[in-house]
Amino acid sequence: MKKMAVSLMTVLLLFAFSPKQLQANNEPLPVAENSAMNVELAETDELLMRLDDINEMDKSLLIYSEKKELRKEVRSINKELKQRGGGIYLSVGGAIIIILLLILLL
């Protein structure tokens, strides 16, 4: 009788502490669109299209001051695109340290 009581309590405890995956809701959550991200992507596309337009221009027909203005515009567009790009930069020294740590830990 004692074994049966212990077994019954074990089963009840197992059901009480069931994994979260069994209790998960299968309905997908609504995804909120990030409008700021969409605006930034649209502006980036505009800048890239402007760079393509400038590259396709026939610059031989332009005077010196117009060419100078185009160069300034291209530089400012490139600068803005680099600022928006972000990214993670890793130096050679940092990469060596990470590799050494991985070798030592593994």
PDB file of N, CA and C in Angstrom:
ATOM      1  N   MET A   1       0.814  -1.180   0.000  1.00  0.00           N
ATOM      2  CA  MET A   1       0.000   0.000   0.000  1.00  0.00           C
ATOM      3  C   MET A   1       0.866   1.257   0.000  1.00  0.00           C
ATOM      4  N   LYS A   2       1.957   1.190   0.762  1.00  0.00           N
ATOM      5  CA  LYS A   2       2.855   2.333   0.849  1.00  0.00           C
ATOM      6  C   LYS A   2       3.495   2.629  -0.505  1.00  0.00           C
ATOM      7  N   LYS A   3       3.862   1.571  -1.237  1.00  0.00           N
ATOM      8  CA  LYS A   3       4.475   1.764  -2.557  1.00  0.00           C
ATOM      9  C   LYS A   3       3.491   2.418  -3.521  1.00  0.00           C
ATOM     10  N   MET A   4       2.240   2.047  -3.420  1.00  0.00           N
ATOM     11  CA  MET A   4       1.237   2.609  -4.299  1.00  0.00           C
ATOM     12  C   MET A   4       1.020   4.093  -4.007  1.00  0.00           C
ATOM     13  N   ALA A   5       1.054   4.476  -2.763  1.00  0.00           N
ATOM     14  CA  ALA A   5       0.885   5.882  -2.383  1.00  0.00           C
ATOM     15  C   ALA A   5       2.061   6.713  -2.884  1.00  0.00           C
ATOM     16  N   VAL A   6       3.255   6.175  -2.732  1.00  0.00           N
ATOM     17  CA  VAL A   6       4.445   6.880  -3.208  1.00  0.00           C
ATOM     18  C   VAL A   6       4.406   7.009  -4.727  1.00  0.00           C
ATOM     19  N   SER A   7       4.003   5.965  -5.421  1.00  0.00           N
ATOM     20  CA  SER A   7       3.911   6.008  -6.880  1.00  0.00           C
ATOM     21  C   SER A   7       2.865   7.027  -7.337  1.00  0.00           C
ATOM     22  N   LEU A   8       1.725   7.053  -6.651  1.00  0.00           N
ATOM     23  CA  LEU A   8       0.664   7.989  -6.992  1.00  0.00           C
ATOM     24  C   LEU A   8       1.121   9.434  -6.769  1.00  0.00           C
ATOM     25  N   MET A   9       1.806   9.694  -5.667  1.00  0.00           N
ATOM     26  CA  MET A   9       2.306  11.047  -5.387  1.00  0.00           C
ATOM     27  C   MET A   9       3.363  11.447  -6.417  1.00  0.00           C
ATOM     28  N   THR A  10       4.192  10.515  -6.852  1.00  0.00           N
ATOM     29  CA  THR A  10       5.215  10.798  -7.868  1.00  0.00           C
ATOM     30  C   THR A  10       4.557  11.177  -9.190  1.00  0.00           C
ATOM     31  N   VAL A  11       3.541  10.452  -9.573  1.00  0.00           N
ATOM     32  CA  VAL A  11       2.834  10.741 -10.817  1.00  0.00           C
ATOM     33  C   VAL A  11       2.170  12.113 -10.740  1.00  0.00           C
ATOM     34  N   LEU A  12       1.542  12.416  -9.619  1.00  0.00           N
ATOM     35  CA  LEU A  12       0.902  13.728  -9.452  1.00  0.00           C
ATOM     36  C   LEU A  12       1.924  14.862  -9.500  1.00  0.00           C
ATOM     37  N   LEU A  13       3.065  14.658  -8.899  1.00  0.00           N
ATOM     38  CA  LEU A  13       4.116  15.676  -8.939  1.00  0.00           C
ATOM     39  C   LEU A  13       4.659  15.862 -10.348  1.00  0.00           C
ATOM     40  N   LEU A  14       4.772  14.758 -11.091  1.00  0.00           N
ATOM     41  CA  LEU A  14       5.239  14.867 -12.471  1.00  0.00           C
ATOM     42  C   LEU A  14       4.266  15.677 -13.324  1.00  0.00           C
ATOM     43  N   PHE A  15       2.971  15.490 -13.098  1.00  0.00           N
ATOM     44  CA  PHE A  15       1.980  16.270 -13.833  1.00  0.00           C
ATOM     45  C   PHE A  15       1.974  17.728 -13.379  1.00  0.00           C
ATOM     46  N   ALA A  16       2.266  17.971 -12.120  1.00  0.00           N
ATOM     47  CA  ALA A  16       2.268  19.343 -11.602  1.00  0.00           C
ATOM     48  C   ALA A  16       3.432  20.144 -12.178  1.00  0.00           C
ATOM     49  N   PHE A  17       4.565  19.484 -12.364  1.00  0.00           N
ATOM     50  CA  PHE A  17       5.746  20.169 -12.887  1.00  0.00           C
ATOM     51  C   PHE A  17       6.003  19.768 -14.337  1.00  0.00           C
ATOM     52  N   SER A  18       5.005  19.899 -15.166  1.00  0.00           N
ATOM     53  CA  SER A  18       5.161  19.535 -16.578  1.00  0.00           C
ATOM     54  C   SER A  18       5.974  20.603 -17.300  1.00  0.00           C
ATOM     55  N   PRO A  19       6.664  20.229 -18.360  1.00  0.00           N
ATOM     56  CA  PRO A  19       7.494  21.183 -19.098  1.00  0.00           C
ATOM     57  C   PRO A  19       6.654  22.281 -19.742  1.00  0.00           C
ATOM     58  N   LYS A  20       7.266  23.426 -19.926  1.00  0.00           N
ATOM     59  CA  LYS A  20       6.586  24.574 -20.526  1.00  0.00           C
ATOM     60  C   LYS A  20       6.201  24.311 -21.978  1.00  0.00           C
ATOM     61  N   GLN A  21       6.909  23.451 -22.666  1.00  0.00           N
ATOM     62  CA  GLN A  21       6.594  23.171 -24.057  1.00  0.00           C
ATOM     63  C   GLN A  21       5.211  22.517 -24.182  1.00  0.00           C
ATOM     64  N   LEU A  22       4.805  21.745 -23.192  1.00  0.00           N
ATOM     65  CA  LEU A  22       3.500  21.111 -23.238  1.00  0.00           C
ATOM     66  C   LEU A  22       2.384  22.127 -23.019  1.00  0.00           C
ATOM     67  N   GLN A  23       2.690  23.213 -22.327  1.00  0.00           N
ATOM     68  CA  GLN A  23       1.698  24.241 -22.041  1.00  0.00           C
ATOM     69  C   GLN A  23       1.725  25.358 -23.074  1.00  0.00           C
ATOM     70  N   ALA A  24       2.567  25.244 -24.064  1.00  0.00           N
ATOM     71  CA  ALA A  24       2.740  26.321 -25.034  1.00  0.00           C
ATOM     72  C   ALA A  24       1.488  26.512 -25.876  1.00  0.00           C
ATOM     73  N   ASN A  25       1.268  27.745 -26.241  1.00  0.00           N
ATOM     74  CA  ASN A  25       0.148  28.082 -27.106  1.00  0.00           C
ATOM     75  C   ASN A  25       0.604  27.937 -28.550  1.00  0.00           C
ATOM     76  N   ASN A  26      -0.126  27.219 -29.355  1.00  0.00           N
ATOM     77  CA  ASN A  26       0.280  26.958 -30.726  1.00  0.00           C
ATOM     78  C   ASN A  26      -0.100  28.066 -31.691  1.00  0.00           C
ATOM     79  N   GLU A  27      -0.864  29.057 -31.240  1.00  0.00           N
ATOM     80  CA  GLU A  27      -1.256  30.148 -32.121  1.00  0.00           C
ATOM     81  C   GLU A  27      -0.074  31.111 -32.296  1.00  0.00           C
ATOM     82  N   PRO A  28       0.218  31.508 -33.531  1.00  0.00           N
ATOM     83  CA  PRO A  28       1.329  32.442 -33.733  1.00  0.00           C
ATOM     84  C   PRO A  28       0.979  33.819 -33.188  1.00  0.00           C
ATOM     85  N   LEU A  29       1.979  34.476 -32.628  1.00  0.00           N
ATOM     86  CA  LEU A  29       1.787  35.811 -32.096  1.00  0.00           C
ATOM     87  C   LEU A  29       1.740  36.816 -33.233  1.00  0.00           C
ATOM     88  N   PRO A  30       0.924  37.847 -33.112  1.00  0.00           N
ATOM     89  CA  PRO A  30       0.899  38.864 -34.164  1.00  0.00           C
ATOM     90  C   PRO A  30       2.213  39.642 -34.174  1.00  0.00           C
ATOM     91  N   VAL A  31       2.727  39.849 -35.359  1.00  0.00           N
ATOM     92  CA  VAL A  31       4.003  40.530 -35.509  1.00  0.00           C
ATOM     93  C   VAL A  31       3.735  41.995 -35.809  1.00  0.00           C
ATOM     94  N   ALA A  32       4.261  42.854 -34.957  1.00  0.00           N
ATOM     95  CA  ALA A  32       4.095  44.287 -35.167  1.00  0.00           C
ATOM     96  C   ALA A  32       5.163  44.754 -36.141  1.00  0.00           C
ATOM     97  N   GLU A  33       4.742  45.489 -37.159  1.00  0.00           N
ATOM     98  CA  GLU A  33       5.700  45.983 -38.138  1.00  0.00           C
ATOM     99  C   GLU A  33       6.429  47.184 -37.557  1.00  0.00           C
ATOM    100  N   ASN A  34       7.704  47.199 -37.774  1.00  0.00           N
ATOM    101  CA  ASN A  34       8.520  48.292 -37.278  1.00  0.00           C
ATOM    102  C   ASN A  34       8.578  49.363 -38.364  1.00  0.00           C
ATOM    103  N   SER A  35       7.792  50.398 -38.195  1.00  0.00           N
ATOM    104  CA  SER A  35       7.704  51.424 -39.233  1.00  0.00           C
ATOM    105  C   SER A  35       9.001  52.221 -39.335  1.00  0.00           C
ATOM    106  N   ALA A  36       9.699  52.403 -38.223  1.00  0.00           N
ATOM    107  CA  ALA A  36      10.960  53.144 -38.267  1.00  0.00           C
ATOM    108  C   ALA A  36      11.983  52.400 -39.119  1.00  0.00           C
ATOM    109  N   MET A  37      11.989  51.086 -39.011  1.00  0.00           N
ATOM    110  CA  MET A  37      12.920  50.278 -39.795  1.00  0.00           C
ATOM    111  C   MET A  37      12.581  50.373 -41.279  1.00  0.00           C
ATOM    112  N   ASN A  38      11.278  50.351 -41.596  1.00  0.00           N
ATOM    113  CA  ASN A  38      10.858  50.451 -42.988  1.00  0.00           C
ATOM    114  C   ASN A  38      11.225  51.801 -43.577  1.00  0.00           C
ATOM    115  N   VAL A  39      11.073  52.865 -42.797  1.00  0.00           N
ATOM    116  CA  VAL A  39      11.419  54.204 -43.271  1.00  0.00           C
ATOM    117  C   VAL A  39      12.915  54.294 -43.535  1.00  0.00           C
ATOM    118  N   GLU A  40      13.709  53.732 -42.634  1.00  0.00           N
ATOM    119  CA  GLU A  40      15.166  53.768 -42.805  1.00  0.00           C
ATOM    120  C   GLU A  40      15.584  52.980 -44.042  1.00  0.00           C
ATOM    121  N   LEU A  41      14.956  51.837 -44.277  1.00  0.00           N
ATOM    122  CA  LEU A  41      15.275  51.051 -45.465  1.00  0.00           C
ATOM    123  C   LEU A  41      14.880  51.793 -46.737  1.00  0.00           C
ATOM    124  N   ALA A  42      13.750  52.490 -46.699  1.00  0.00           N
ATOM    125  CA  ALA A  42      13.318  53.256 -47.870  1.00  0.00           C
ATOM    126  C   ALA A  42      14.293  54.395 -48.159  1.00  0.00           C
ATOM    127  N   GLU A  43      14.751  55.058 -47.107  1.00  0.00           N
ATOM    128  CA  GLU A  43      15.716  56.154 -47.303  1.00  0.00           C
ATOM    129  C   GLU A  43      17.037  55.619 -47.835  1.00  0.00           C
ATOM    130  N   THR A  44      17.461  54.473 -47.354  1.00  0.00           N
ATOM    131  CA  THR A  44      18.698  53.870 -47.835  1.00  0.00           C
ATOM    132  C   THR A  44      18.568  53.504 -49.313  1.00  0.00           C
ATOM    133  N   ASP A  45      17.416  52.961 -49.685  1.00  0.00           N
ATOM    134  CA  ASP A  45      17.185  52.628 -51.097  1.00  0.00           C
ATOM    135  C   ASP A  45      17.215  53.878 -51.971  1.00  0.00           C
ATOM    136  N   GLU A  46      16.643  54.976 -51.455  1.00  0.00           N
ATOM    137  CA  GLU A  46      16.673  56.242 -52.197  1.00  0.00           C
ATOM    138  C   GLU A  46      18.104  56.709 -52.429  1.00  0.00           C
ATOM    139  N   LEU A  47      18.922  56.625 -51.371  1.00  0.00           N
ATOM    140  CA  LEU A  47      20.314  57.058 -51.496  1.00  0.00           C
ATOM    141  C   LEU A  47      21.068  56.193 -52.503  1.00  0.00           C
ATOM    142  N   LEU A  48      20.820  54.896 -52.459  1.00  0.00           N
ATOM    143  CA  LEU A  48      21.492  54.002 -53.406  1.00  0.00           C
ATOM    144  C   LEU A  48      21.050  54.275 -54.842  1.00  0.00           C
ATOM    145  N   MET A  49      19.771  54.577 -55.021  1.00  0.00           N
ATOM    146  CA  MET A  49      19.285  54.901 -56.360  1.00  0.00           C
ATOM    147  C   MET A  49      19.914  56.198 -56.865  1.00  0.00           C
ATOM    148  N   ARG A  50      20.075  57.171 -55.958  1.00  0.00           N
ATOM    149  CA  ARG A  50      20.712  58.428 -56.358  1.00  0.00           C
ATOM    150  C   ARG A  50      22.159  58.188 -56.762  1.00  0.00           C
ATOM    151  N   LEU A  51      22.863  57.325 -56.027  1.00  0.00           N
ATOM    152  CA  LEU A  51      24.246  57.006 -56.403  1.00  0.00           C
ATOM    153  C   LEU A  51      24.294  56.345 -57.774  1.00  0.00           C
ATOM    154  N   ASP A  52      23.359  55.453 -58.050  1.00  0.00           N
ATOM    155  CA  ASP A  52      23.309  54.818 -59.374  1.00  0.00           C
ATOM    156  C   ASP A  52      23.054  55.845 -60.470  1.00  0.00           C
ATOM    157  N   ASP A  53      22.157  56.793 -60.187  1.00  0.00           N
ATOM    158  CA  ASP A  53      21.874  57.844 -61.173  1.00  0.00           C
ATOM    159  C   ASP A  53      23.113  58.685 -61.463  1.00  0.00           C
ATOM    160  N   ILE A  54      23.839  59.013 -60.414  1.00  0.00           N
ATOM    161  CA  ILE A  54      25.051  59.826 -60.592  1.00  0.00           C
ATOM    162  C   ILE A  54      26.096  59.047 -61.382  1.00  0.00           C
ATOM    163  N   ASN A  55      26.231  57.756 -61.097  1.00  0.00           N
ATOM    164  CA  ASN A  55      27.221  56.945 -61.810  1.00  0.00           C
ATOM    165  C   ASN A  55      26.863  56.769 -63.282  1.00  0.00           C
ATOM    166  N   GLU A  56      25.577  56.767 -63.594  1.00  0.00           N
ATOM    167  CA  GLU A  56      25.151  56.586 -64.983  1.00  0.00           C
ATOM    168  C   GLU A  56      25.184  57.888 -65.789  1.00  0.00           C
ATOM    169  N   MET A  57      25.377  59.013 -65.116  1.00  0.00           N
ATOM    170  CA  MET A  57      25.392  60.303 -65.814  1.00  0.00           C
ATOM    171  C   MET A  57      26.585  60.408 -66.755  1.00  0.00           C
ATOM    172  N   ASP A  58      26.395  61.205 -67.799  1.00  0.00           N
ATOM    173  CA  ASP A  58      27.504  61.538 -68.688  1.00  0.00           C
ATOM    174  C   ASP A  58      28.155  62.805 -68.142  1.00  0.00           C
ATOM    175  N   LYS A  59      29.264  62.617 -67.453  1.00  0.00           N
ATOM    176  CA  LYS A  59      29.899  63.735 -66.749  1.00  0.00           C
ATOM    177  C   LYS A  59      30.783  64.580 -67.659  1.00  0.00           C
ATOM    178  N   SER A  60      30.986  64.136 -68.871  1.00  0.00           N
ATOM    179  CA  SER A  60      31.834  64.913 -69.784  1.00  0.00           C
ATOM    180  C   SER A  60      31.155  66.202 -70.229  1.00  0.00           C
ATOM    181  N   LEU A  61      29.837  66.254 -70.140  1.00  0.00           N
ATOM    182  CA  LEU A  61      29.110  67.452 -70.549  1.00  0.00           C
ATOM    183  C   LEU A  61      28.980  68.483 -69.430  1.00  0.00           C
ATOM    184  N   LEU A  62      29.373  68.110 -68.222  1.00  0.00           N
ATOM    185  CA  LEU A  62      29.230  69.012 -67.080  1.00  0.00           C
ATOM    186  C   LEU A  62      30.419  69.953 -66.965  1.00  0.00           C
ATOM    187  N   ILE A  63      30.170  71.127 -66.369  1.00  0.00           N
ATOM    188  CA  ILE A  63      31.269  72.061 -66.110  1.00  0.00           C
ATOM    189  C   ILE A  63      31.905  71.699 -64.773  1.00  0.00           C
ATOM    190  N   TYR A  64      33.028  72.341 -64.480  1.00  0.00           N
ATOM    191  CA  TYR A  64      33.828  72.005 -63.310  1.00  0.00           C
ATOM    192  C   TYR A  64      33.022  72.140 -62.006  1.00  0.00           C
ATOM    193  N   SER A  65      32.267  73.223 -61.863  1.00  0.00           N
ATOM    194  CA  SER A  65      31.528  73.440 -60.616  1.00  0.00           C
ATOM    195  C   SER A  65      30.440  72.377 -60.418  1.00  0.00           C
ATOM    196  N   GLU A  66      29.801  71.944 -61.499  1.00  0.00           N
ATOM    197  CA  GLU A  66      28.792  70.891 -61.384  1.00  0.00           C
ATOM    198  C   GLU A  66      29.417  69.560 -60.992  1.00  0.00           C
ATOM    199  N   LYS A  67      30.588  69.264 -61.552  1.00  0.00           N
ATOM    200  CA  LYS A  67      31.291  68.034 -61.183  1.00  0.00           C
ATOM    201  C   LYS A  67      31.687  68.070 -59.705  1.00  0.00           C
ATOM    202  N   LYS A  68      32.115  69.249 -59.256  1.00  0.00           N
ATOM    203  CA  LYS A  68      32.527  69.404 -57.863  1.00  0.00           C
ATOM    204  C   LYS A  68      31.334  69.173 -56.932  1.00  0.00           C
ATOM    205  N   GLU A  69      30.168  69.705 -57.295  1.00  0.00           N
ATOM    206  CA  GLU A  69      28.965  69.500 -56.494  1.00  0.00           C
ATOM    207  C   GLU A  69      28.567  68.018 -56.461  1.00  0.00           C
ATOM    208  N   LEU A  70      28.697  67.348 -57.587  1.00  0.00           N
ATOM    209  CA  LEU A  70      28.388  65.914 -57.634  1.00  0.00           C
ATOM    210  C   LEU A  70      29.329  65.109 -56.745  1.00  0.00           C
ATOM    211  N   ARG A  71      30.619  65.466 -56.764  1.00  0.00           N
ATOM    212  CA  ARG A  71      31.587  64.767 -55.901  1.00  0.00           C
ATOM    213  C   ARG A  71      31.226  64.948 -54.433  1.00  0.00           C
ATOM    214  N   LYS A  72      30.851  66.193 -54.066  1.00  0.00           N
ATOM    215  CA  LYS A  72      30.457  66.450 -52.674  1.00  0.00           C
ATOM    216  C   LYS A  72      29.216  65.648 -52.304  1.00  0.00           C
ATOM    217  N   GLU A  73      28.271  65.586 -53.225  1.00  0.00           N
ATOM    218  CA  GLU A  73      27.050  64.832 -52.966  1.00  0.00           C
ATOM    219  C   GLU A  73      27.343  63.346 -52.800  1.00  0.00           C
ATOM    220  N   VAL A  74      28.194  62.810 -53.647  1.00  0.00           N
ATOM    221  CA  VAL A  74      28.550  61.386 -53.550  1.00  0.00           C
ATOM    222  C   VAL A  74      29.263  61.119 -52.228  1.00  0.00           C
ATOM    223  N   ARG A  75      30.153  61.993 -51.829  1.00  0.00           N
ATOM    224  CA  ARG A  75      30.863  61.802 -50.556  1.00  0.00           C
ATOM    225  C   ARG A  75      29.893  61.836 -49.383  1.00  0.00           C
ATOM    226  N   SER A  76      28.949  62.786 -49.400  1.00  0.00           N
ATOM    227  CA  SER A  76      28.001  62.871 -48.284  1.00  0.00           C
ATOM    228  C   SER A  76      27.083  61.653 -48.250  1.00  0.00           C
ATOM    229  N   ILE A  77      26.668  61.162 -49.417  1.00  0.00           N
ATOM    230  CA  ILE A  77      25.816  59.962 -49.461  1.00  0.00           C
ATOM    231  C   ILE A  77      26.587  58.753 -48.940  1.00  0.00           C
ATOM    232  N   ASN A  78      27.832  58.609 -49.370  1.00  0.00           N
ATOM    233  CA  ASN A  78      28.646  57.484 -48.891  1.00  0.00           C
ATOM    234  C   ASN A  78      28.852  57.552 -47.384  1.00  0.00           C
ATOM    235  N   LYS A  79      29.076  58.760 -46.868  1.00  0.00           N
ATOM    236  CA  LYS A  79      29.280  58.941 -45.436  1.00  0.00           C
ATOM    237  C   LYS A  79      28.022  58.555 -44.665  1.00  0.00           C
ATOM    238  N   GLU A  80      26.874  58.977 -45.168  1.00  0.00           N
ATOM    239  CA  GLU A  80      25.616  58.652 -44.511  1.00  0.00           C
ATOM    240  C   GLU A  80      25.332  57.159 -44.555  1.00  0.00           C
ATOM    241  N   LEU A  81      25.628  56.521 -45.668  1.00  0.00           N
ATOM    242  CA  LEU A  81      25.414  55.076 -45.771  1.00  0.00           C
ATOM    243  C   LEU A  81      26.332  54.311 -44.821  1.00  0.00           C
ATOM    244  N   LYS A  82      27.549  54.780 -44.641  1.00  0.00           N
ATOM    245  CA  LYS A  82      28.455  54.120 -43.698  1.00  0.00           C
ATOM    246  C   LYS A  82      27.953  54.264 -42.271  1.00  0.00           C
ATOM    247  N   GLN A  83      27.387  55.436 -41.933  1.00  0.00           N
ATOM    248  CA  GLN A  83      26.862  55.634 -40.586  1.00  0.00           C
ATOM    249  C   GLN A  83      25.654  54.739 -40.332  1.00  0.00           C
ATOM    250  N   ARG A  84      24.818  54.550 -41.324  1.00  0.00           N
ATOM    251  CA  ARG A  84      23.645  53.702 -41.169  1.00  0.00           C
ATOM    252  C   ARG A  84      24.002  52.229 -41.158  1.00  0.00           C
ATOM    253  N   GLY A  85      25.121  51.876 -41.786  1.00  0.00           N
ATOM    254  CA  GLY A  85      25.485  50.468 -41.920  1.00  0.00           C
ATOM    255  C   GLY A  85      25.743  49.796 -40.598  1.00  0.00           C
ATOM    256  N   GLY A  86      26.371  50.488 -39.673  1.00  0.00           N
ATOM    257  CA  GLY A  86      26.673  49.879 -38.389  1.00  0.00           C
ATOM    258  C   GLY A  86      27.641  48.734 -38.561  1.00  0.00           C
ATOM    259  N   GLY A  87      27.354  47.621 -37.927  1.00  0.00           N
ATOM    260  CA  GLY A  87      28.202  46.453 -38.051  1.00  0.00           C
ATOM    261  C   GLY A  87      29.103  46.285 -36.844  1.00  0.00           C
ATOM    262  N   ILE A  88      29.746  45.165 -36.782  1.00  0.00           N
ATOM    263  CA  ILE A  88      30.670  44.861 -35.703  1.00  0.00           C
ATOM    264  C   ILE A  88      32.054  44.725 -36.308  1.00  0.00           C
ATOM    265  N   TYR A  89      32.963  45.484 -35.781  1.00  0.00           N
ATOM    266  CA  TYR A  89      34.332  45.431 -36.264  1.00  0.00           C
ATOM    267  C   TYR A  89      35.193  44.717 -35.243  1.00  0.00           C
ATOM    268  N   LEU A  90      36.027  43.813 -35.726  1.00  0.00           N
ATOM    269  CA  LEU A  90      36.877  43.021 -34.860  1.00  0.00           C
ATOM    270  C   LEU A  90      38.310  43.161 -35.342  1.00  0.00           C
ATOM    271  N   SER A  91      39.171  43.584 -34.431  1.00  0.00           N
ATOM    272  CA  SER A  91      40.560  43.762 -34.819  1.00  0.00           C
ATOM    273  C   SER A  91      41.267  42.411 -34.876  1.00  0.00           C
ATOM    274  N   VAL A  92      42.446  42.410 -35.439  1.00  0.00           N
ATOM    275  CA  VAL A  92      43.228  41.170 -35.555  1.00  0.00           C
ATOM    276  C   VAL A  92      43.629  40.680 -34.171  1.00  0.00           C
ATOM    277  N   GLY A  93      44.002  41.604 -33.307  1.00  0.00           N
ATOM    278  CA  GLY A  93      44.380  41.232 -31.940  1.00  0.00           C
ATOM    279  C   GLY A  93      43.219  40.601 -31.191  1.00  0.00           C
ATOM    280  N   GLY A  94      42.038  41.169 -31.374  1.00  0.00           N
ATOM    281  CA  GLY A  94      40.846  40.604 -30.734  1.00  0.00           C
ATOM    282  C   GLY A  94      40.541  39.216 -31.244  1.00  0.00           C
ATOM    283  N   ALA A  95      40.710  39.013 -32.540  1.00  0.00           N
ATOM    284  CA  ALA A  95      40.459  37.701 -33.125  1.00  0.00           C
ATOM    285  C   ALA A  95      41.449  36.671 -32.581  1.00  0.00           C
ATOM    286  N   ILE A  96      42.702  37.060 -32.429  1.00  0.00           N
ATOM    287  CA  ILE A  96      43.719  36.142 -31.897  1.00  0.00           C
ATOM    288  C   ILE A  96      43.383  35.765 -30.457  1.00  0.00           C
ATOM    289  N   ILE A  97      42.966  36.746 -29.654  1.00  0.00           N
ATOM    290  CA  ILE A  97      42.609  36.470 -28.258  1.00  0.00           C
ATOM    291  C   ILE A  97      41.424  35.515 -28.190  1.00  0.00           C
ATOM    292  N   ILE A  98      40.426  35.724 -29.031  1.00  0.00           N
ATOM    293  CA  ILE A  98      39.256  34.845 -29.034  1.00  0.00           C
ATOM    294  C   ILE A  98      39.649  33.428 -29.429  1.00  0.00           C
ATOM    295  N   ILE A  99      40.504  33.292 -30.429  1.00  0.00           N
ATOM    296  CA  ILE A  99      40.949  31.964 -30.865  1.00  0.00           C
ATOM    297  C   ILE A  99      41.728  31.264 -29.760  1.00  0.00           C
ATOM    298  N   LEU A 100      42.626  32.017 -29.090  1.00  0.00           N
ATOM    299  CA  LEU A 100      43.394  31.419 -28.000  1.00  0.00           C
ATOM    300  C   LEU A 100      42.482  30.973 -26.849  1.00  0.00           C
ATOM    301  N   LEU A 101      41.488  31.784 -26.518  1.00  0.00           N
ATOM    302  CA  LEU A 101      40.556  31.396 -25.467  1.00  0.00           C
ATOM    303  C   LEU A 101      39.765  30.149 -25.842  1.00  0.00           C
ATOM    304  N   LEU A 102      39.358  30.078 -27.092  1.00  0.00           N
ATOM    305  CA  LEU A 102      38.636  28.881 -27.531  1.00  0.00           C
ATOM    306  C   LEU A 102      39.509  27.641 -27.464  1.00  0.00           C
ATOM    307  N   ILE A 103      40.769  27.767 -27.838  1.00  0.00           N
ATOM    308  CA  ILE A 103      41.688  26.621 -27.788  1.00  0.00           C
ATOM    309  C   ILE A 103      41.908  26.189 -26.348  1.00  0.00           C
ATOM    310  N   LEU A 104      42.091  27.158 -25.429  1.00  0.00           N
ATOM    311  CA  LEU A 104      42.345  26.822 -24.044  1.00  0.00           C
ATOM    312  C   LEU A 104      41.115  26.217 -23.359  1.00  0.00           C
ATOM    313  N   LEU A 105      39.941  26.738 -23.688  1.00  0.00           N
ATOM    314  CA  LEU A 105      38.733  26.258 -23.032  1.00  0.00           C
ATOM    315  C   LEU A 105      38.226  24.946 -23.610  1.00  0.00           C
ATOM    316  N   LEU A 106      38.517  24.701 -24.864  1.00  0.00           N
ATOM    317  CA  LEU A 106      38.036  23.454 -25.471  1.00  0.00           C
ATOM    318  C   LEU A 106      39.158  22.466 -25.477  1.00  0.00           C
TER     319      LEU A 106
END
